[in-house]
N, C-alpha and C. Protein backbone atom coordinates (compact mmCIF):
# COMPACT_ATOMS: atom_id res chain seq x y z
N MET A 1 2.19 65.19 -24.15
CA MET A 1 3.28 64.23 -24.40
C MET A 1 3.82 63.68 -23.09
N GLY A 2 4.00 62.40 -23.03
CA GLY A 2 4.53 61.77 -21.83
C GLY A 2 6.05 61.80 -21.83
N GLY A 3 6.61 61.26 -20.79
CA GLY A 3 8.06 61.17 -20.69
C GLY A 3 8.59 60.01 -21.52
N ILE A 4 9.82 59.66 -21.27
CA ILE A 4 10.42 58.53 -21.97
C ILE A 4 9.96 57.24 -21.31
N GLY A 5 9.35 56.38 -22.09
CA GLY A 5 8.86 55.10 -21.58
C GLY A 5 9.86 53.99 -21.85
N PHE A 6 9.49 52.79 -21.47
CA PHE A 6 10.36 51.63 -21.65
C PHE A 6 10.68 51.35 -23.12
N PRO A 7 9.69 51.41 -24.04
CA PRO A 7 10.02 51.15 -25.46
C PRO A 7 11.04 52.14 -26.01
N GLU A 8 10.91 53.40 -25.61
CA GLU A 8 11.87 54.41 -26.08
C GLU A 8 13.28 54.11 -25.57
N LEU A 9 13.37 53.68 -24.31
CA LEU A 9 14.68 53.32 -23.74
C LEU A 9 15.31 52.16 -24.51
N ILE A 10 14.50 51.19 -24.90
CA ILE A 10 15.00 50.05 -25.68
C ILE A 10 15.56 50.53 -27.01
N ILE A 11 14.81 51.41 -27.69
CA ILE A 11 15.24 51.93 -28.99
C ILE A 11 16.54 52.72 -28.84
N ILE A 12 16.61 53.58 -27.82
CA ILE A 12 17.82 54.37 -27.59
C ILE A 12 19.02 53.45 -27.34
N PHE A 13 18.81 52.41 -26.53
CA PHE A 13 19.89 51.47 -26.23
C PHE A 13 20.36 50.76 -27.49
N LEU A 14 19.42 50.35 -28.34
CA LEU A 14 19.80 49.67 -29.59
C LEU A 14 20.59 50.60 -30.50
N VAL A 15 20.18 51.87 -30.58
CA VAL A 15 20.92 52.84 -31.41
C VAL A 15 22.33 53.02 -30.86
N LEU A 16 22.46 53.16 -29.53
CA LEU A 16 23.79 53.29 -28.93
C LEU A 16 24.64 52.06 -29.21
N LEU A 17 24.02 50.89 -29.14
CA LEU A 17 24.73 49.65 -29.41
C LEU A 17 25.27 49.64 -30.84
N LEU A 18 24.47 50.11 -31.79
CA LEU A 18 24.90 50.16 -33.19
C LEU A 18 26.01 51.19 -33.38
N VAL A 19 25.88 52.35 -32.72
CA VAL A 19 26.84 53.43 -32.92
C VAL A 19 28.18 53.11 -32.26
N PHE A 20 28.16 52.70 -31.00
CA PHE A 20 29.40 52.53 -30.24
C PHE A 20 29.92 51.11 -30.20
N GLY A 21 29.07 50.14 -30.41
CA GLY A 21 29.50 48.75 -30.30
C GLY A 21 29.35 48.26 -28.87
N ALA A 22 29.24 46.96 -28.70
CA ALA A 22 28.94 46.37 -27.39
C ALA A 22 30.07 46.58 -26.38
N LYS A 23 31.31 46.67 -26.84
CA LYS A 23 32.44 46.78 -25.91
C LYS A 23 32.53 48.16 -25.26
N ARG A 24 32.04 49.20 -25.95
CA ARG A 24 32.17 50.56 -25.42
C ARG A 24 31.03 50.94 -24.48
N ILE A 25 29.91 50.22 -24.51
CA ILE A 25 28.72 50.60 -23.73
C ILE A 25 29.00 50.70 -22.22
N PRO A 26 29.63 49.69 -21.58
CA PRO A 26 29.88 49.81 -20.13
C PRO A 26 30.79 50.99 -19.79
N GLU A 27 31.76 51.25 -20.65
CA GLU A 27 32.68 52.37 -20.44
C GLU A 27 31.92 53.70 -20.48
N ILE A 28 31.03 53.85 -21.44
CA ILE A 28 30.23 55.07 -21.56
C ILE A 28 29.28 55.21 -20.38
N ALA A 29 28.63 54.11 -19.99
CA ALA A 29 27.70 54.13 -18.86
C ALA A 29 28.43 54.52 -17.58
N ARG A 30 29.65 54.02 -17.40
CA ARG A 30 30.44 54.35 -16.22
C ARG A 30 30.74 55.85 -16.21
N GLY A 31 31.10 56.39 -17.35
CA GLY A 31 31.39 57.83 -17.45
C GLY A 31 30.16 58.67 -17.14
N ILE A 32 29.00 58.26 -17.64
CA ILE A 32 27.76 58.99 -17.38
C ILE A 32 27.42 58.93 -15.89
N GLY A 33 27.54 57.74 -15.30
CA GLY A 33 27.26 57.58 -13.87
C GLY A 33 28.17 58.43 -13.01
N LYS A 34 29.45 58.48 -13.38
CA LYS A 34 30.41 59.29 -12.65
C LYS A 34 30.05 60.77 -12.75
N GLY A 35 29.66 61.20 -13.94
CA GLY A 35 29.25 62.59 -14.14
C GLY A 35 28.03 62.95 -13.32
N ILE A 36 27.05 62.05 -13.27
CA ILE A 36 25.83 62.30 -12.49
C ILE A 36 26.16 62.38 -11.00
N ARG A 37 27.04 61.48 -10.52
CA ARG A 37 27.45 61.51 -9.11
C ARG A 37 28.14 62.82 -8.77
N GLU A 38 29.04 63.27 -9.64
CA GLU A 38 29.75 64.53 -9.39
C GLU A 38 28.78 65.70 -9.39
N PHE A 39 27.80 65.67 -10.30
CA PHE A 39 26.81 66.73 -10.37
C PHE A 39 25.98 66.78 -9.09
N LYS A 40 25.57 65.61 -8.59
CA LYS A 40 24.76 65.55 -7.36
C LYS A 40 25.56 66.04 -6.15
N SER A 41 26.83 65.70 -6.10
CA SER A 41 27.64 66.13 -4.95
C SER A 41 27.94 67.63 -5.02
N ALA A 42 27.92 68.20 -6.22
CA ALA A 42 28.20 69.63 -6.37
C ALA A 42 26.99 70.47 -5.99
N THR A 43 25.79 69.90 -6.09
CA THR A 43 24.58 70.69 -5.79
C THR A 43 24.14 70.51 -4.36
């Protein structure tokens, strides 16, 4: 089994769009990015 490819990312994004709505996506992405940055600085 391979990793996550581009088609899978598109499907995941569309599902997130349906679940959260277009207005919440940047807010969620910002939170995820902030979490990743904090994790990298902690290690």
